Amino acid sequence: MRNIDNTVSLPYWDSSLDNEMANPANTILFSKEFLGKGFGQVPTGPFANWATPIGPLTRNIGSDSRLFSKENVKAILTRCKTSEITRPTALQQYSLNVGMVALTFGSVDR
């Protein structure tokens, strides 16, 4: 990707580390220094005031989703095909979309 546009970066986040916190919603990741606010419209950080097809970027971390645990990651890594970890074909224990943060990120454009 950097060969096409060297200004684009895709950060890596091991959410299983934050999953170990007493309250994962308190992760530094959702601060103005990183991804911006984790609740309500996002007025700070690099994603401040982003527009989506359904309105401004809004987050509600920790309400109806959860972070990946080390066990989730291990289970997913036992699968070989994308269809084994995504809806509607994945078994629940391997699905990326069963209340996980991926569902939350994926719903931005719904």
PDB file of N, CA and C in Angstrom:
ATOM      1  N   MET A   1       0.826  -1.167   0.000  1.00  0.00           N
ATOM      2  CA  MET A   1       0.000   0.000   0.000  1.00  0.00           C
ATOM      3  C   MET A   1       0.884   1.249   0.000  1.00  0.00           C
ATOM      4  N   ARG A   2       1.948   1.241   0.758  1.00  0.00           N
ATOM      5  CA  ARG A   2       2.830   2.408   0.818  1.00  0.00           C
ATOM      6  C   ARG A   2       3.471   2.713  -0.532  1.00  0.00           C
ATOM      7  N   ASN A   3       3.623   1.708  -1.397  1.00  0.00           N
ATOM      8  CA  ASN A   3       4.154   1.959  -2.738  1.00  0.00           C
ATOM      9  C   ASN A   3       3.202   2.814  -3.559  1.00  0.00           C
ATOM     10  N   ILE A   4       1.921   2.708  -3.281  1.00  0.00           N
ATOM     11  CA  ILE A   4       0.908   3.484  -4.002  1.00  0.00           C
ATOM     12  C   ILE A   4       0.717   4.854  -3.361  1.00  0.00           C
ATOM     13  N   ASP A   5       0.630   4.886  -2.031  1.00  0.00           N
ATOM     14  CA  ASP A   5       0.444   6.144  -1.297  1.00  0.00           C
ATOM     15  C   ASP A   5       1.198   6.046   0.018  1.00  0.00           C
ATOM     16  N   ASN A   6       2.362   6.695   0.090  1.00  0.00           N
ATOM     17  CA  ASN A   6       3.195   6.561   1.287  1.00  0.00           C
ATOM     18  C   ASN A   6       2.684   7.348   2.486  1.00  0.00           C
ATOM     19  N   THR A   7       1.550   8.031   2.341  1.00  0.00           N
ATOM     20  CA  THR A   7       0.978   8.732   3.489  1.00  0.00           C
ATOM     21  C   THR A   7      -0.042   7.882   4.241  1.00  0.00           C
ATOM     22  N   VAL A   8      -0.373   6.722   3.696  1.00  0.00           N
ATOM     23  CA  VAL A   8      -1.369   5.853   4.319  1.00  0.00           C
ATOM     24  C   VAL A   8      -0.695   4.920   5.319  1.00  0.00           C
ATOM     25  N   SER A   9      -1.276   4.831   6.499  1.00  0.00           N
ATOM     26  CA  SER A   9      -0.787   3.899   7.517  1.00  0.00           C
ATOM     27  C   SER A   9      -1.947   3.094   8.063  1.00  0.00           C
ATOM     28  N   LEU A  10      -1.717   1.827   8.293  1.00  0.00           N
ATOM     29  CA  LEU A  10      -2.700   0.974   8.945  1.00  0.00           C
ATOM     30  C   LEU A  10      -2.090   0.497  10.252  1.00  0.00           C
ATOM     31  N   PRO A  11      -2.544   1.044  11.361  1.00  0.00           N
ATOM     32  CA  PRO A  11      -1.945   0.654  12.642  1.00  0.00           C
ATOM     33  C   PRO A  11      -2.334  -0.766  13.035  1.00  0.00           C
ATOM     34  N   TYR A  12      -1.463  -1.397  13.781  1.00  0.00           N
ATOM     35  CA  TYR A  12      -1.752  -2.717  14.331  1.00  0.00           C
ATOM     36  C   TYR A  12      -2.175  -2.530  15.775  1.00  0.00           C
ATOM     37  N   TRP A  13      -3.256  -3.191  16.171  1.00  0.00           N
ATOM     38  CA  TRP A  13      -3.731  -3.116  17.548  1.00  0.00           C
ATOM     39  C   TRP A  13      -4.010  -4.523  18.029  1.00  0.00           C
ATOM     40  N   ASP A  14      -3.281  -4.946  19.033  1.00  0.00           N
ATOM     41  CA  ASP A  14      -3.538  -6.247  19.658  1.00  0.00           C
ATOM     42  C   ASP A  14      -4.565  -6.021  20.759  1.00  0.00           C
ATOM     43  N   SER A  15      -5.833  -6.099  20.401  1.00  0.00           N
ATOM     44  CA  SER A  15      -6.904  -5.807  21.360  1.00  0.00           C
ATOM     45  C   SER A  15      -6.962  -6.819  22.494  1.00  0.00           C
ATOM     46  N   SER A  16      -6.318  -7.973  22.320  1.00  0.00           N
ATOM     47  CA  SER A  16      -6.329  -8.956  23.410  1.00  0.00           C
ATOM     48  C   SER A  16      -5.582  -8.428  24.632  1.00  0.00           C
ATOM     49  N   LEU A  17      -4.649  -7.488  24.438  1.00  0.00           N
ATOM     50  CA  LEU A  17      -3.953  -6.881  25.577  1.00  0.00           C
ATOM     51  C   LEU A  17      -4.907  -5.996  26.375  1.00  0.00           C
ATOM     52  N   ASP A  18      -5.684  -5.159  25.671  1.00  0.00           N
ATOM     53  CA  ASP A  18      -6.657  -4.303  26.349  1.00  0.00           C
ATOM     54  C   ASP A  18      -7.805  -5.113  26.933  1.00  0.00           C
ATOM     55  N   ASN A  19      -8.094  -6.260  26.357  1.00  0.00           N
ATOM     56  CA  ASN A  19      -9.146  -7.129  26.872  1.00  0.00           C
ATOM     57  C   ASN A  19      -8.848  -7.578  28.304  1.00  0.00           C
ATOM     58  N   GLU A  20      -7.574  -7.614  28.670  1.00  0.00           N
ATOM     59  CA  GLU A  20      -7.174  -8.036  30.017  1.00  0.00           C
ATOM     60  C   GLU A  20      -7.396  -6.947  31.064  1.00  0.00           C
ATOM     61  N   MET A  21      -7.695  -5.725  30.642  1.00  0.00           N
ATOM     62  CA  MET A  21      -7.910  -4.617  31.581  1.00  0.00           C
ATOM     63  C   MET A  21      -9.203  -4.829  32.370  1.00  0.00           C
ATOM     64  N   ALA A  22      -9.262  -4.252  33.573  1.00  0.00           N
ATOM     65  CA  ALA A  22     -10.488  -4.319  34.372  1.00  0.00           C
ATOM     66  C   ALA A  22     -11.657  -3.703  33.597  1.00  0.00           C
ATOM     67  N   ASN A  23     -11.411  -2.593  32.903  1.00  0.00           N
ATOM     68  CA  ASN A  23     -12.426  -1.958  32.062  1.00  0.00           C
ATOM     69  C   ASN A  23     -11.779  -1.600  30.726  1.00  0.00           C
ATOM     70  N   PRO A  24     -11.880  -2.483  29.728  1.00  0.00           N
ATOM     71  CA  PRO A  24     -11.236  -2.235  28.437  1.00  0.00           C
ATOM     72  C   PRO A  24     -11.665  -0.933  27.758  1.00  0.00           C
ATOM     73  N   ALA A  25     -12.817  -0.381  28.130  1.00  0.00           N
ATOM     74  CA  ALA A  25     -13.253   0.887  27.541  1.00  0.00           C
ATOM     75  C   ALA A  25     -12.314   2.029  27.921  1.00  0.00           C
ATOM     76  N   ASN A  26     -11.483   1.824  28.947  1.00  0.00           N
ATOM     77  CA  ASN A  26     -10.532   2.846  29.379  1.00  0.00           C
ATOM     78  C   ASN A  26      -9.203   2.783  28.632  1.00  0.00           C
ATOM     79  N   THR A  27      -9.111   1.994  27.584  1.00  0.00           N
ATOM     80  CA  THR A  27      -7.869   1.893  26.820  1.00  0.00           C
ATOM     81  C   THR A  27      -7.418   3.258  26.301  1.00  0.00           C
ATOM     82  N   ILE A  28      -6.117   3.464  26.287  1.00  0.00           N
ATOM     83  CA  ILE A  28      -5.562   4.719  25.762  1.00  0.00           C
ATOM     84  C   ILE A  28      -5.821   4.863  24.265  1.00  0.00           C
ATOM     85  N   LEU A  29      -6.138   3.763  23.616  1.00  0.00           N
ATOM     86  CA  LEU A  29      -6.383   3.803  22.176  1.00  0.00           C
ATOM     87  C   LEU A  29      -7.488   4.796  21.818  1.00  0.00           C
ATOM     88  N   PHE A  30      -8.527   4.890  22.649  1.00  0.00           N
ATOM     89  CA  PHE A  30      -9.630   5.806  22.379  1.00  0.00           C
ATOM     90  C   PHE A  30      -9.438   7.100  23.164  1.00  0.00           C
ATOM     91  N   SER A  31      -8.315   7.750  22.910  1.00  0.00           N
ATOM     92  CA  SER A  31      -8.006   9.055  23.487  1.00  0.00           C
ATOM     93  C   SER A  31      -7.692  10.009  22.341  1.00  0.00           C
ATOM     94  N   LYS A  32      -7.631  11.306  22.634  1.00  0.00           N
ATOM     95  CA  LYS A  32      -7.379  12.271  21.560  1.00  0.00           C
ATOM     96  C   LYS A  32      -6.012  12.077  20.921  1.00  0.00           C
ATOM     97  N   GLU A  33      -5.085  11.449  21.643  1.00  0.00           N
ATOM     98  CA  GLU A  33      -3.752  11.213  21.090  1.00  0.00           C
ATOM     99  C   GLU A  33      -3.739  10.101  20.046  1.00  0.00           C
ATOM    100  N   PHE A  34      -4.720   9.203  20.089  1.00  0.00           N
ATOM    101  CA  PHE A  34      -4.725   8.064  19.182  1.00  0.00           C
ATOM    102  C   PHE A  34      -5.956   8.091  18.276  1.00  0.00           C
ATOM    103  N   LEU A  35      -6.979   7.311  18.561  1.00  0.00           N
ATOM    104  CA  LEU A  35      -8.134   7.199  17.661  1.00  0.00           C
ATOM    105  C   LEU A  35      -9.258   8.179  17.955  1.00  0.00           C
ATOM    106  N   GLY A  36      -9.142   8.936  19.024  1.00  0.00           N
ATOM    107  CA  GLY A  36     -10.206   9.858  19.389  1.00  0.00           C
ATOM    108  C   GLY A  36     -11.198   9.204  20.334  1.00  0.00           C
ATOM    109  N   LYS A  37     -12.108   9.986  20.795  1.00  0.00           N
ATOM    110  CA  LYS A  37     -13.104   9.608  21.794  1.00  0.00           C
ATOM    111  C   LYS A  37     -13.816   8.298  21.458  1.00  0.00           C
ATOM    112  N   GLY A  38     -14.107   7.513  22.498  1.00  0.00           N
ATOM    113  CA  GLY A  38     -14.750   6.217  22.306  1.00  0.00           C
ATOM    114  C   GLY A  38     -16.256   6.229  22.471  1.00  0.00           C
ATOM    115  N   PHE A  39     -16.819   7.375  22.879  1.00  0.00           N
ATOM    116  CA  PHE A  39     -18.263   7.451  23.112  1.00  0.00           C
ATOM    117  C   PHE A  39     -18.826   8.688  22.423  1.00  0.00           C
ATOM    118  N   GLY A  40     -19.919   8.514  21.722  1.00  0.00           N
ATOM    119  CA  GLY A  40     -20.557   9.634  21.036  1.00  0.00           C
ATOM    120  C   GLY A  40     -19.823  10.025  19.764  1.00  0.00           C
ATOM    121  N   GLN A  41     -20.119  11.229  19.268  1.00  0.00           N
ATOM    122  CA  GLN A  41     -19.434  11.715  18.071  1.00  0.00           C
ATOM    123  C   GLN A  41     -17.957  11.923  18.378  1.00  0.00           C
ATOM    124  N   VAL A  42     -17.110  11.740  17.374  1.00  0.00           N
ATOM    125  CA  VAL A  42     -15.657  11.792  17.566  1.00  0.00           C
ATOM    126  C   VAL A  42     -15.140  13.177  17.172  1.00  0.00           C
ATOM    127  N   PRO A  43     -14.899  14.069  18.177  1.00  0.00           N
ATOM    128  CA  PRO A  43     -14.443  15.428  17.877  1.00  0.00           C
ATOM    129  C   PRO A  43     -12.927  15.610  17.959  1.00  0.00           C
ATOM    130  N   THR A  44     -12.190  14.565  18.396  1.00  0.00           N
ATOM    131  CA  THR A  44     -10.745  14.690  18.573  1.00  0.00           C
ATOM    132  C   THR A  44     -10.023  13.535  17.897  1.00  0.00           C
ATOM    133  N   GLY A  45      -8.719  13.687  17.750  1.00  0.00           N
ATOM    134  CA  GLY A  45      -7.913  12.627  17.164  1.00  0.00           C
ATOM    135  C   GLY A  45      -7.944  12.666  15.649  1.00  0.00           C
ATOM    136  N   PRO A  46      -7.253  11.727  15.008  1.00  0.00           N
ATOM    137  CA  PRO A  46      -7.138  11.747  13.548  1.00  0.00           C
ATOM    138  C   PRO A  46      -8.453  11.469  12.813  1.00  0.00           C
ATOM    139  N   PHE A  47      -9.468  10.971  13.514  1.00  0.00           N
ATOM    140  CA  PHE A  47     -10.752  10.672  12.881  1.00  0.00           C
ATOM    141  C   PHE A  47     -11.819  11.697  13.259  1.00  0.00           C
ATOM    142  N   ALA A  48     -11.386  12.831  13.792  1.00  0.00           N
ATOM    143  CA  ALA A  48     -12.313  13.880  14.221  1.00  0.00           C
ATOM    144  C   ALA A  48     -13.185  14.344  13.064  1.00  0.00           C
ATOM    145  N   ASN A  49     -14.472  14.433  13.348  1.00  0.00           N
ATOM    146  CA  ASN A  49     -15.450  14.994  12.417  1.00  0.00           C
ATOM    147  C   ASN A  49     -15.554  14.254  11.084  1.00  0.00           C
ATOM    148  N   TRP A  50     -15.206  12.984  11.088  1.00  0.00           N
ATOM    149  CA  TRP A  50     -15.370  12.185   9.861  1.00  0.00           C
ATOM    150  C   TRP A  50     -16.850  12.044   9.549  1.00  0.00           C
ATOM    151  N   ALA A  51     -17.187  12.161   8.280  1.00  0.00           N
ATOM    152  CA  ALA A  51     -18.566  11.956   7.841  1.00  0.00           C
ATOM    153  C   ALA A  51     -18.694  10.543   7.284  1.00  0.00           C
ATOM    154  N   THR A  52     -19.804   9.906   7.572  1.00  0.00           N
ATOM    155  CA  THR A  52     -20.115   8.589   7.018  1.00  0.00           C
ATOM    156  C   THR A  52     -21.435   8.716   6.257  1.00  0.00           C
ATOM    157  N   PRO A  53     -21.817   7.718   5.490  1.00  0.00           N
ATOM    158  CA  PRO A  53     -23.090   7.796   4.765  1.00  0.00           C
ATOM    159  C   PRO A  53     -24.305   7.985   5.674  1.00  0.00           C
ATOM    160  N   ILE A  54     -24.173   7.645   6.962  1.00  0.00           N
ATOM    161  CA  ILE A  54     -25.321   7.797   7.868  1.00  0.00           C
ATOM    162  C   ILE A  54     -25.115   8.910   8.889  1.00  0.00           C
ATOM    163  N   GLY A  55     -24.120   9.764   8.674  1.00  0.00           N
ATOM    164  CA  GLY A  55     -23.876  10.873   9.585  1.00  0.00           C
ATOM    165  C   GLY A  55     -22.455  10.862  10.115  1.00  0.00           C
ATOM    166  N   PRO A  56     -22.187  11.674  11.151  1.00  0.00           N
ATOM    167  CA  PRO A  56     -20.824  11.759  11.673  1.00  0.00           C
ATOM    168  C   PRO A  56     -20.380  10.448  12.328  1.00  0.00           C
ATOM    169  N   LEU A  57     -19.059  10.217  12.321  1.00  0.00           N
ATOM    170  CA  LEU A  57     -18.507   9.040  12.980  1.00  0.00           C
ATOM    171  C   LEU A  57     -18.872   9.082  14.454  1.00  0.00           C
ATOM    172  N   THR A  58     -19.533   8.033  14.905  1.00  0.00           N
ATOM    173  CA  THR A  58     -19.982   7.928  16.287  1.00  0.00           C
ATOM    174  C   THR A  58     -19.538   6.584  16.828  1.00  0.00           C
ATOM    175  N   ARG A  59     -19.049   6.586  18.060  1.00  0.00           N
ATOM    176  CA  ARG A  59     -18.625   5.340  18.693  1.00  0.00           C
ATOM    177  C   ARG A  59     -19.395   5.128  19.988  1.00  0.00           C
ATOM    178  N   ASN A  60     -19.504   3.880  20.359  1.00  0.00           N
ATOM    179  CA  ASN A  60     -20.103   3.512  21.635  1.00  0.00           C
ATOM    180  C   ASN A  60     -19.387   2.254  22.107  1.00  0.00           C
ATOM    181  N   ILE A  61     -18.100   2.395  22.397  1.00  0.00           N
ATOM    182  CA  ILE A  61     -17.289   1.225  22.709  1.00  0.00           C
ATOM    183  C   ILE A  61     -17.766   0.536  23.984  1.00  0.00           C
ATOM    184  N   GLY A  62     -17.712  -0.761  23.948  1.00  0.00           N
ATOM    185  CA  GLY A  62     -18.039  -1.554  25.119  1.00  0.00           C
ATOM    186  C   GLY A  62     -19.509  -1.762  25.386  1.00  0.00           C
ATOM    187  N   SER A  63     -20.401  -1.234  24.540  1.00  0.00           N
ATOM    188  CA  SER A  63     -21.824  -1.366  24.844  1.00  0.00           C
ATOM    189  C   SER A  63     -22.401  -2.687  24.355  1.00  0.00           C
ATOM    190  N   ASP A  64     -22.194  -3.013  23.098  1.00  0.00           N
ATOM    191  CA  ASP A  64     -22.761  -4.255  22.578  1.00  0.00           C
ATOM    192  C   ASP A  64     -21.709  -5.088  21.853  1.00  0.00           C
ATOM    193  N   SER A  65     -20.463  -4.862  22.206  1.00  0.00           N
ATOM    194  CA  SER A  65     -19.372  -5.630  21.606  1.00  0.00           C
ATOM    195  C   SER A  65     -18.296  -5.852  22.656  1.00  0.00           C
ATOM    196  N   ARG A  66     -17.318  -6.650  22.300  1.00  0.00           N
ATOM    197  CA  ARG A  66     -16.206  -6.882  23.218  1.00  0.00           C
ATOM    198  C   ARG A  66     -14.933  -7.025  22.405  1.00  0.00           C
ATOM    199  N   LEU A  67     -13.820  -6.900  23.071  1.00  0.00           N
ATOM    200  CA  LEU A  67     -12.535  -7.050  22.401  1.00  0.00           C
ATOM    201  C   LEU A  67     -12.201  -8.519  22.229  1.00  0.00           C
ATOM    202  N   PHE A  68     -11.257  -8.789  21.340  1.00  0.00           N
ATOM    203  CA  PHE A  68     -10.790 -10.161  21.169  1.00  0.00           C
ATOM    204  C   PHE A  68      -9.981 -10.581  22.387  1.00  0.00           C
ATOM    205  N   SER A  69     -10.215 -11.782  22.853  1.00  0.00           N
ATOM    206  CA  SER A  69      -9.388 -12.354  23.919  1.00  0.00           C
ATOM    207  C   SER A  69      -8.287 -13.181  23.268  1.00  0.00           C
ATOM    208  N   LYS A  70      -7.305 -13.568  24.042  1.00  0.00           N
ATOM    209  CA  LYS A  70      -6.247 -14.441  23.515  1.00  0.00           C
ATOM    210  C   LYS A  70      -6.852 -15.753  22.996  1.00  0.00           C
ATOM    211  N   GLU A  71      -7.881 -16.253  23.678  1.00  0.00           N
ATOM    212  CA  GLU A  71      -8.546 -17.487  23.253  1.00  0.00           C
ATOM    213  C   GLU A  71      -9.252 -17.294  21.907  1.00  0.00           C
ATOM    214  N   ASN A  72      -9.912 -16.128  21.721  1.00  0.00           N
ATOM    215  CA  ASN A  72     -10.559 -15.835  20.433  1.00  0.00           C
ATOM    216  C   ASN A  72      -9.539 -15.845  19.303  1.00  0.00           C
ATOM    217  N   VAL A  73      -8.412 -15.202  19.532  1.00  0.00           N
ATOM    218  CA  VAL A  73      -7.367 -15.125  18.502  1.00  0.00           C
ATOM    219  C   VAL A  73      -6.854 -16.520  18.166  1.00  0.00           C
ATOM    220  N   LYS A  74      -6.592 -17.319  19.191  1.00  0.00           N
ATOM    221  CA  LYS A  74      -6.110 -18.688  18.953  1.00  0.00           C
ATOM    222  C   LYS A  74      -7.123 -19.495  18.144  1.00  0.00           C
ATOM    223  N   ALA A  75      -8.402 -19.384  18.489  1.00  0.00           N
ATOM    224  CA  ALA A  75      -9.446 -20.128  17.776  1.00  0.00           C
ATOM    225  C   ALA A  75      -9.530 -19.687  16.317  1.00  0.00           C
ATOM    226  N   ILE A  76      -9.501 -18.391  16.080  1.00  0.00           N
ATOM    227  CA  ILE A  76      -9.592 -17.874  14.716  1.00  0.00           C
ATOM    228  C   ILE A  76      -8.396 -18.315  13.886  1.00  0.00           C
ATOM    229  N   LEU A  77      -7.217 -18.341  14.492  1.00  0.00           N
ATOM    230  CA  LEU A  77      -6.007 -18.724  13.756  1.00  0.00           C
ATOM    231  C   LEU A  77      -5.964 -20.205  13.393  1.00  0.00           C
ATOM    232  N   THR A  78      -6.895 -20.997  13.918  1.00  0.00           N
ATOM    233  CA  THR A  78      -6.956 -22.408  13.518  1.00  0.00           C
ATOM    234  C   THR A  78      -7.703 -22.578  12.196  1.00  0.00           C
ATOM    235  N   ARG A  79      -8.348 -21.539  11.722  1.00  0.00           N
ATOM    236  CA  ARG A  79      -9.121 -21.584  10.480  1.00  0.00           C
ATOM    237  C   ARG A  79      -8.229 -21.204   9.301  1.00  0.00           C
ATOM    238  N   CYS A  80      -8.551 -21.708   8.125  1.00  0.00           N
ATOM    239  CA  CYS A  80      -7.736 -21.471   6.923  1.00  0.00           C
ATOM    240  C   CYS A  80      -8.408 -20.580   5.889  1.00  0.00           C
ATOM    241  N   LYS A  81      -9.721 -20.474   5.930  1.00  0.00           N
ATOM    242  CA  LYS A  81     -10.452 -19.729   4.907  1.00  0.00           C
ATOM    243  C   LYS A  81     -11.226 -18.578   5.539  1.00  0.00           C
ATOM    244  N   THR A  82     -11.328 -17.483   4.805  1.00  0.00           N
ATOM    245  CA  THR A  82     -12.099 -16.339   5.278  1.00  0.00           C
ATOM    246  C   THR A  82     -13.530 -16.746   5.602  1.00  0.00           C
ATOM    247  N   SER A  83     -14.110 -17.623   4.809  1.00  0.00           N
ATOM    248  CA  SER A  83     -15.495 -18.050   5.034  1.00  0.00           C
ATOM    249  C   SER A  83     -15.660 -18.775   6.367  1.00  0.00           C
ATOM    250  N   GLU A  84     -14.563 -19.251   6.941  1.00  0.00           N
ATOM    251  CA  GLU A  84     -14.637 -19.944   8.230  1.00  0.00           C
ATOM    252  C   GLU A  84     -14.653 -18.984   9.420  1.00  0.00           C
ATOM    253  N   ILE A  85     -14.395 -17.689   9.171  1.00  0.00           N
ATOM    254  CA  ILE A  85     -14.370 -16.733  10.280  1.00  0.00           C
ATOM    255  C   ILE A  85     -15.309 -15.550  10.076  1.00  0.00           C
ATOM    256  N   THR A  86     -16.070 -15.545   8.986  1.00  0.00           N
ATOM    257  CA  THR A  86     -16.994 -14.445   8.726  1.00  0.00           C
ATOM    258  C   THR A  86     -18.412 -14.964   8.516  1.00  0.00           C
ATOM    259  N   ARG A  87     -19.373 -14.083   8.725  1.00  0.00           N
ATOM    260  CA  ARG A  87     -20.768 -14.441   8.529  1.00  0.00           C
ATOM    261  C   ARG A  87     -21.065 -14.638   7.070  1.00  0.00           C
ATOM    262  N   PRO A  88     -22.040 -15.395   6.715  1.00  0.00           N
ATOM    263  CA  PRO A  88     -22.910 -16.218   7.546  1.00  0.00           C
ATOM    264  C   PRO A  88     -22.404 -17.647   7.692  1.00  0.00           C
ATOM    265  N   THR A  89     -21.220 -17.936   7.201  1.00  0.00           N
ATOM    266  CA  THR A  89     -20.759 -19.322   7.125  1.00  0.00           C
ATOM    267  C   THR A  89     -19.938 -19.796   8.321  1.00  0.00           C
ATOM    268  N   ALA A  90     -19.448 -18.899   9.151  1.00  0.00           N
ATOM    269  CA  ALA A  90     -18.576 -19.293  10.259  1.00  0.00           C
ATOM    270  C   ALA A  90     -19.356 -19.930  11.400  1.00  0.00           C
ATOM    271  N   LEU A  91     -18.741 -20.914  12.022  1.00  0.00           N
ATOM    272  CA  LEU A  91     -19.284 -21.430  13.272  1.00  0.00           C
ATOM    273  C   LEU A  91     -19.077 -20.358  14.331  1.00  0.00           C
ATOM    274  N   GLN A  92     -19.975 -20.265  15.300  1.00  0.00           N
ATOM    275  CA  GLN A  92     -19.944 -19.171  16.262  1.00  0.00           C
ATOM    276  C   GLN A  92     -18.596 -19.032  16.965  1.00  0.00           C
ATOM    277  N   GLN A  93     -17.957 -20.126  17.358  1.00  0.00           N
ATOM    278  CA  GLN A  93     -16.716 -20.018  18.119  1.00  0.00           C
ATOM    279  C   GLN A  93     -15.552 -19.465  17.299  1.00  0.00           C
ATOM    280  N   TYR A  94     -15.690 -19.412  15.970  1.00  0.00           N
ATOM    281  CA  TYR A  94     -14.627 -18.887  15.118  1.00  0.00           C
ATOM    282  C   TYR A  94     -14.991 -17.560  14.455  1.00  0.00           C
ATOM    283  N   SER A  95     -16.200 -17.096  14.643  1.00  0.00           N
ATOM    284  CA  SER A  95     -16.679 -15.930  13.912  1.00  0.00           C
ATOM    285  C   SER A  95     -16.053 -14.633  14.408  1.00  0.00           C
ATOM    286  N   LEU A  96     -15.654 -13.794  13.470  1.00  0.00           N
ATOM    287  CA  LEU A  96     -15.167 -12.455  13.793  1.00  0.00           C
ATOM    288  C   LEU A  96     -16.316 -11.534  14.173  1.00  0.00           C
ATOM    289  N   ASN A  97     -17.534 -11.919  13.889  1.00  0.00           N
ATOM    290  CA  ASN A  97     -18.667 -11.013  13.995  1.00  0.00           C
ATOM    291  C   ASN A  97     -19.635 -11.317  15.127  1.00  0.00           C
ATOM    292  N   VAL A  98     -19.255 -12.094  16.090  1.00  0.00           N
ATOM    293  CA  VAL A  98     -20.168 -12.409  17.187  1.00  0.00           C
ATOM    294  C   VAL A  98     -19.876 -11.475  18.350  1.00  0.00           C
ATOM    295  N   GLY A  99     -20.413 -10.249  18.264  1.00  0.00           N
ATOM    296  CA  GLY A  99     -20.260  -9.287  19.335  1.00  0.00           C
ATOM    297  C   GLY A  99     -18.861  -8.735  19.485  1.00  0.00           C
ATOM    298  N   MET A 100     -17.996  -8.990  18.544  1.00  0.00           N
ATOM    299  CA  MET A 100     -16.621  -8.525  18.652  1.00  0.00           C
ATOM    300  C   MET A 100     -16.492  -7.104  18.129  1.00  0.00           C
ATOM    301  N   VAL A 101     -15.357  -6.524  18.389  1.00  0.00           N
ATOM    302  CA  VAL A 101     -15.078  -5.175  17.927  1.00  0.00           C
ATOM    303  C   VAL A 101     -15.177  -5.073  16.410  1.00  0.00           C
ATOM    304  N   ALA A 102     -14.919  -6.138  15.687  1.00  0.00           N
ATOM    305  CA  ALA A 102     -15.015  -6.119  14.221  1.00  0.00           C
ATOM    306  C   ALA A 102     -16.421  -5.751  13.773  1.00  0.00           C
ATOM    307  N   LEU A 103     -17.420  -6.225  14.499  1.00  0.00           N
ATOM    308  CA  LEU A 103     -18.795  -5.870  14.169  1.00  0.00           C
ATOM    309  C   LEU A 103     -18.984  -4.370  14.318  1.00  0.00           C
ATOM    310  N   THR A 104     -18.427  -3.804  15.377  1.00  0.00           N
ATOM    311  CA  THR A 104     -18.554  -2.374  15.610  1.00  0.00           C
ATOM    312  C   THR A 104     -17.884  -1.587  14.503  1.00  0.00           C
ATOM    313  N   PHE A 105     -16.655  -1.949  14.148  1.00  0.00           N
ATOM    314  CA  PHE A 105     -15.966  -1.252  13.071  1.00  0.00           C
ATOM    315  C   PHE A 105     -16.698  -1.457  11.756  1.00  0.00           C
ATOM    316  N   GLY A 106     -17.212  -2.658  11.540  1.00  0.00           N
ATOM    317  CA  GLY A 106     -17.888  -2.966  10.292  1.00  0.00           C
ATOM    318  C   GLY A 106     -19.205  -2.246  10.126  1.00  0.00           C
ATOM    319  N   SER A 107     -19.793  -1.759  11.214  1.00  0.00           N
ATOM    320  CA  SER A 107     -21.107  -1.134  11.116  1.00  0.00           C
ATOM    321  C   SER A 107     -21.030   0.346  10.765  1.00  0.00           C
ATOM    322  N   VAL A 108     -19.840   0.888  10.604  1.00  0.00           N
ATOM    323  CA  VAL A 108     -19.703   2.308  10.298  1.00  0.00           C
ATOM    324  C   VAL A 108     -20.444   2.677   9.023  1.00  0.00           C
ATOM    325  N   ASP A 109     -20.412   1.792   8.027  1.00  0.00           N
ATOM    326  CA  ASP A 109     -21.017   2.141   6.742  1.00  0.00           C
ATOM    327  C   ASP A 109     -22.368   1.485   6.506  1.00  0.00           C
ATOM    328  N   ARG A 110     -23.037   1.011   7.536  1.00  0.00           N
ATOM    329  CA  ARG A 110     -24.303   0.322   7.277  1.00  0.00           C
ATOM    330  C   ARG A 110     -25.425   1.269   7.002  1.00  0.00           C
TER     331      ARG A 110
END
